[in-house]
Amino acid sequence: MTEKEQVQQIVEKYGKDLSKLSEEGTTAEYKAVLKFIADETNRKQRKLAGLEE
C-alpha cells in the first residue's frame, strides 16, 4: 500500500475531519496525514517555482 492510499484510508476513517483525527486517532495516524499534507504542499510549491517538473 502506498503512502497516499494509507492516508486516504485514515482520512475516510475519520470522516475528513482533522479535529476528530487529532482527538480520536493515534499519533502515528495523525503524523502520517500531516506529513503527507506537508510533502504534497512542498512538491506543489517546487513545481510552481520551476524547480521540479
Protein backbone atom coordinates (compact mmCIF):
# COMPACT_ATOMS: atom_id res chain seq x y z
CA MET A 1 0.00 0.00 0.00
CA THR A 2 1.37 3.40 -0.93
CA GLU A 3 1.56 6.34 1.43
CA LYS A 4 -1.25 8.07 -0.45
CA GLU A 5 -3.56 5.06 -0.14
CA GLN A 6 -2.77 4.75 3.56
CA VAL A 7 -3.56 8.42 4.15
CA GLN A 8 -6.80 8.15 2.17
CA GLN A 9 -7.92 5.27 4.39
CA ILE A 10 -7.12 7.24 7.53
CA VAL A 11 -8.97 10.31 6.23
CA GLU A 12 -12.03 8.26 5.33
CA LYS A 13 -11.94 6.54 8.72
CA TYR A 14 -12.36 9.89 10.49
CA GLY A 15 -14.80 11.42 8.01
CA LYS A 16 -12.38 14.02 6.60
CA ASP A 17 -12.41 15.80 9.98
CA LEU A 18 -8.97 16.88 11.15
CA SER A 19 -10.14 17.70 14.68
CA LYS A 20 -11.73 14.25 15.02
CA LEU A 21 -8.50 12.69 13.78
CA SER A 22 -6.42 14.64 16.29
CA GLU A 23 -8.73 13.70 19.18
CA GLU A 24 -9.55 10.08 18.33
CA GLY A 25 -6.74 8.95 16.06
CA THR A 26 -3.41 7.52 17.02
CA THR A 27 -0.28 9.60 17.00
CA ALA A 28 1.04 7.59 14.06
CA GLU A 29 -2.12 8.24 12.00
CA TYR A 30 -2.02 11.96 12.78
CA LYS A 31 1.67 12.25 11.89
CA ALA A 32 1.17 10.28 8.66
CA VAL A 33 -1.61 12.60 7.49
CA LEU A 34 0.26 15.79 8.39
CA LYS A 35 3.48 14.51 6.77
CA PHE A 36 1.60 13.68 3.58
CA ILE A 37 -0.01 17.15 3.52
CA ALA A 38 3.37 18.84 4.06
CA ASP A 39 5.08 16.75 1.39
CA GLU A 40 2.36 17.49 -1.17
CA THR A 41 2.44 21.20 -0.35
CA ASN A 42 6.21 21.30 -0.77
CA ARG A 43 6.01 19.37 -4.06
CA LYS A 44 3.42 21.79 -5.46
CA GLN A 45 5.45 24.82 -4.37
CA ARG A 46 8.59 23.45 -6.03
CA LYS A 47 6.61 22.83 -9.20
CA LEU A 48 5.23 26.40 -9.22
CA ALA A 49 8.73 27.80 -8.64
CA GLY A 50 10.04 25.82 -11.59
CA LEU A 51 12.37 23.68 -9.50
CA GLU A 52 10.59 20.46 -10.38
CA GLU A 53 8.66 19.32 -13.41
